[in-house]
Amino acid sequence: MDWKGCWEKGTMPWHMEDVHPKFLLHIDKITEKKNNAKIFFPLCGKAVEMFYLAKEGHTIVGVEYIELGVKQFFDENKLPYETKHVPEIDGDLYENEENNIKIYCGDYFKFGPTLETNFDGVWDRGGLEAVLIDERGKYTDIMKSVMKRGAPCVTEVPDRPVGEGPPFNLTVDEITHLYNLKTPPEKVDYDPASEILKSMNVDGMFYYYYKINS
């Protein structure tokens, strides 16, 4: 998948201009009703949910590979930012201190607890389902290494034929294995694919939302 090309062409069917309805519905599962939770957005793009939570007083950390997406997030929200090089991820940190927002722009697979740790919750929409199947274990290992023990992660996964994607199909058994869970994750919601995604030959695809406690 040519992610960089999608951003440059402005073809991002996964991006939502408004806060995701399922995010709003399950926000308390992510923050656990804490007043100042530290929330992680893996492969965040320019997700509007980051600024939404920041305005509620939470601390936000995202990781994204495409620099254009990171810059668009700050510019579209009219947020000034400072940058500094982060050699650990072969990239840079973009930060707005006033609103406690950081986005690491670089290699997600080099991110880890030497940079950030002790996350209270995670909103993973479009991350796990987008990475190559043979990289899922490494992806979730990083997630587990930076989250507080028992911290919640609400993740979106598609139900579609195996082998098609991205986004790639994930089963409950696969999520249970990837996160080393003793019991299957709680299914909290579902949603049909958006009209934009249906135009990309995924008609009939459903998204399921699971709450995972690592």
Protein backbone atom coordinates (compact mmCIF):
# COMPACT_ATOMS: atom_id res chain seq x y z
CA MET A 1 0.00 0.00 0.00
CA ASP A 2 1.43 3.37 -1.03
CA TRP A 3 0.44 5.27 2.11
CA LYS A 4 2.62 8.28 1.25
CA GLY A 5 1.04 8.49 -2.20
CA CYS A 6 -2.44 8.43 -0.67
CA TRP A 7 -1.60 11.39 1.54
CA GLU A 8 -0.01 13.35 -1.28
CA LYS A 9 -3.06 12.79 -3.49
CA GLY A 10 -5.47 13.58 -0.67
CA THR A 11 -6.99 10.11 -0.99
CA MET A 12 -7.43 8.97 2.62
CA PRO A 13 -10.75 7.11 2.86
CA TRP A 14 -9.87 6.03 6.39
CA HIS A 15 -9.73 9.61 7.70
CA MET A 16 -12.80 11.14 9.31
CA GLU A 17 -13.25 14.90 9.50
CA ASP A 18 -15.45 14.60 12.59
CA VAL A 19 -14.82 12.72 15.81
CA HIS A 20 -15.65 9.05 15.30
CA PRO A 21 -19.09 8.22 16.77
CA LYS A 22 -17.78 4.98 18.27
CA PHE A 23 -14.97 6.89 19.94
CA LEU A 24 -17.48 9.20 21.60
CA LEU A 25 -19.62 6.26 22.63
CA HIS A 26 -16.74 4.40 24.26
CA ILE A 27 -14.49 7.23 25.42
CA ASP A 28 -14.94 6.26 29.08
CA LYS A 29 -13.58 2.80 28.27
CA ILE A 30 -10.42 4.42 26.93
CA THR A 31 -9.85 7.04 29.64
CA GLU A 32 -11.51 5.05 32.46
CA LYS A 33 -13.03 8.41 33.44
CA LYS A 34 -9.67 9.79 34.55
CA ASN A 35 -9.28 13.56 34.51
CA ASN A 36 -5.81 13.62 32.96
CA ALA A 37 -5.17 10.31 31.25
CA LYS A 38 -2.16 9.70 29.03
CA ILE A 39 -3.59 8.31 25.79
CA PHE A 40 -1.73 6.64 22.95
CA PHE A 41 -2.71 6.88 19.27
CA PRO A 42 -0.61 4.40 17.25
CA LEU A 43 -0.32 5.15 13.51
CA CYS A 44 -2.46 8.18 14.22
CA GLY A 45 -2.47 10.07 10.94
CA LYS A 46 -4.25 13.35 11.68
CA ALA A 47 -6.97 11.80 13.84
CA VAL A 48 -9.25 14.55 15.16
CA GLU A 49 -9.84 12.54 18.33
CA MET A 50 -6.39 13.58 19.55
CA PHE A 51 -7.27 17.27 19.81
CA TYR A 52 -10.71 16.41 21.17
CA LEU A 53 -9.14 14.57 24.12
CA ALA A 54 -6.46 17.21 24.58
CA LYS A 55 -9.13 19.87 24.99
CA GLU A 56 -10.65 17.67 27.71
CA GLY A 57 -7.38 17.89 29.64
CA HIS A 58 -5.75 14.61 28.62
CA THR A 59 -2.15 14.09 27.52
CA ILE A 60 -1.85 12.84 23.94
CA VAL A 61 0.94 10.91 22.23
CA GLY A 62 0.72 9.69 18.65
CA VAL A 63 3.09 7.91 16.32
CA GLU A 64 2.86 8.37 12.56
CA TYR A 65 5.17 7.61 9.65
CA ILE A 66 3.86 10.13 7.11
CA GLU A 67 5.15 13.63 7.84
CA LEU A 68 2.45 15.30 5.75
CA GLY A 69 -0.24 13.81 7.98
CA VAL A 70 1.47 15.09 11.13
CA LYS A 71 1.86 18.60 9.75
CA GLN A 72 -1.75 18.65 8.56
CA PHE A 73 -2.94 17.72 12.05
CA PHE A 74 -1.27 20.73 13.64
CA ASP A 75 -2.04 23.13 10.79
CA GLU A 76 -5.72 22.19 10.47
CA ASN A 77 -6.22 22.56 14.21
CA LYS A 78 -4.29 25.85 14.20
CA LEU A 79 -1.82 24.49 16.73
CA PRO A 80 1.73 25.84 16.79
CA TYR A 81 4.40 23.21 17.28
CA GLU A 82 8.08 22.73 17.85
CA THR A 83 10.15 19.90 16.43
CA LYS A 84 13.24 18.07 17.49
CA HIS A 85 15.08 15.16 15.95
CA VAL A 86 14.57 11.74 17.52
CA PRO A 87 17.24 9.39 16.19
CA GLU A 88 15.68 6.37 17.95
CA ILE A 89 12.83 6.36 15.43
CA ASP A 90 14.75 7.86 12.51
CA GLY A 91 12.42 10.83 12.66
CA ASP A 92 11.22 13.85 14.58
CA LEU A 93 8.98 14.80 17.48
CA TYR A 94 6.26 17.38 16.85
CA GLU A 95 4.95 18.92 20.04
CA ASN A 96 2.39 21.46 21.18
CA GLU A 97 3.17 21.92 24.87
CA GLU A 98 0.16 24.11 25.61
CA ASN A 99 -2.26 21.28 24.81
CA ASN A 100 0.01 18.38 25.86
CA ILE A 101 0.13 16.88 22.37
CA LYS A 102 3.12 15.00 21.00
CA ILE A 103 3.35 13.17 17.70
CA TYR A 104 6.43 11.13 16.91
CA CYS A 105 6.95 11.11 13.15
CA GLY A 106 9.12 8.16 12.23
CA ASP A 107 9.38 4.38 12.32
CA TYR A 108 6.68 2.99 14.62
CA PHE A 109 8.58 -0.28 14.92
CA LYS A 110 11.45 1.57 16.59
CA PHE A 111 9.18 3.31 19.10
CA GLY A 112 9.22 2.06 22.68
CA PRO A 113 9.41 2.74 26.42
CA THR A 114 12.70 4.62 26.19
CA LEU A 115 10.66 7.40 24.55
CA GLU A 116 7.22 7.10 26.16
CA THR A 117 5.61 4.76 28.64
CA ASN A 118 2.83 4.40 31.23
CA PHE A 119 -0.09 5.01 28.89
CA ASP A 120 -3.48 4.91 30.61
CA GLY A 121 -5.38 4.00 27.47
CA VAL A 122 -5.21 3.50 23.71
CA TRP A 123 -7.48 4.27 20.77
CA ASP A 124 -6.29 2.04 17.93
CA ARG A 125 -8.32 2.79 14.85
CA GLY A 126 -6.58 1.86 11.62
CA GLY A 127 -3.32 0.69 13.16
CA LEU A 128 -3.30 -3.02 13.85
CA GLU A 129 -5.59 -3.71 10.89
CA ALA A 130 -3.23 -1.87 8.51
CA VAL A 131 0.15 -3.40 9.31
CA LEU A 132 1.35 -6.42 7.38
CA ILE A 133 0.21 -9.69 8.90
CA ASP A 134 3.74 -10.86 9.67
CA GLU A 135 4.41 -7.60 11.55
CA ARG A 136 1.42 -7.82 13.89
CA GLY A 137 3.36 -9.48 16.68
CA LYS A 138 5.99 -6.75 16.71
CA TYR A 139 3.25 -4.10 16.55
CA THR A 140 1.44 -5.43 19.62
CA ASP A 141 4.70 -6.10 21.49
CA ILE A 142 5.41 -2.36 21.28
CA MET A 143 1.88 -1.59 22.47
CA LYS A 144 2.26 -3.86 25.48
CA SER A 145 5.65 -2.38 26.33
CA VAL A 146 4.37 1.20 26.62
CA MET A 147 0.97 0.63 28.25
CA LYS A 148 0.38 0.45 31.98
CA ARG A 149 -0.39 -3.05 33.12
CA GLY A 150 -4.11 -3.63 32.66
CA ALA A 151 -4.61 -0.40 30.71
CA PRO A 152 -7.49 -0.48 28.21
CA CYS A 153 -7.14 -0.41 24.45
CA VAL A 154 -10.18 -0.01 22.25
CA THR A 155 -9.30 -1.29 18.81
CA GLU A 156 -11.12 -1.44 15.49
CA VAL A 157 -10.73 -4.54 13.31
CA PRO A 158 -12.42 -5.50 10.04
CA ASP A 159 -14.31 -8.68 9.24
CA ARG A 160 -13.52 -9.47 5.61
CA PRO A 161 -12.14 -12.37 3.54
CA VAL A 162 -8.69 -13.54 4.61
CA GLY A 163 -5.96 -12.31 2.29
CA GLU A 164 -7.70 -9.11 1.26
CA GLY A 165 -6.51 -5.74 2.48
CA PRO A 166 -5.43 -3.50 3.91
CA PRO A 167 -7.32 -3.30 6.14
CA PHE A 168 -6.67 -6.94 6.99
CA ASN A 169 -9.08 -9.30 8.69
CA LEU A 170 -8.46 -10.13 12.36
CA THR A 171 -10.22 -12.72 14.48
CA VAL A 172 -10.87 -12.77 18.21
CA ASP A 173 -8.45 -15.68 18.54
CA GLU A 174 -5.72 -13.70 16.81
CA ILE A 175 -6.23 -10.68 19.07
CA THR A 176 -6.21 -12.94 22.13
CA HIS A 177 -2.92 -14.48 21.00
CA LEU A 178 -1.26 -11.20 20.00
CA TYR A 179 -1.99 -9.59 23.36
CA ASN A 180 -1.36 -12.73 25.42
CA LEU A 181 -4.83 -12.47 26.93
CA LYS A 182 -6.13 -15.09 29.33
CA THR A 183 -9.67 -14.59 28.04
CA PRO A 184 -10.96 -13.21 24.72
CA PRO A 185 -11.34 -9.43 24.47
CA GLU A 186 -14.74 -7.85 25.03
CA LYS A 187 -16.62 -7.01 21.84
CA VAL A 188 -18.11 -3.59 22.54
CA ASP A 189 -19.55 -2.52 19.18
CA TYR A 190 -19.74 -2.99 15.43
CA ASP A 191 -20.22 -0.82 12.36
CA PRO A 192 -20.68 -1.39 8.62
CA ALA A 193 -17.93 -0.03 6.38
CA SER A 194 -18.41 3.61 5.43
CA GLU A 195 -19.79 4.59 2.04
CA ILE A 196 -16.33 5.82 0.98
CA LEU A 197 -14.77 2.45 1.79
CA LYS A 198 -17.59 0.63 0.01
CA SER A 199 -16.52 2.44 -3.16
CA MET A 200 -13.16 0.65 -2.81
CA ASN A 201 -14.66 -2.82 -3.25
CA VAL A 202 -15.20 -3.62 0.41
CA ASP A 203 -18.99 -3.69 0.21
CA GLY A 204 -20.38 -5.83 3.01
CA MET A 205 -17.36 -5.41 5.29
CA PHE A 206 -18.04 -4.84 8.97
CA TYR A 207 -15.85 -3.32 11.63
CA TYR A 208 -15.83 -4.70 15.14
CA TYR A 209 -14.59 -2.85 18.20
CA TYR A 210 -12.89 -4.72 21.02
CA LYS A 211 -11.80 -3.59 24.44
CA ILE A 212 -8.46 -5.13 25.33
CA ASN A 213 -6.84 -4.98 28.77
CA SER A 214 -3.18 -5.86 28.39
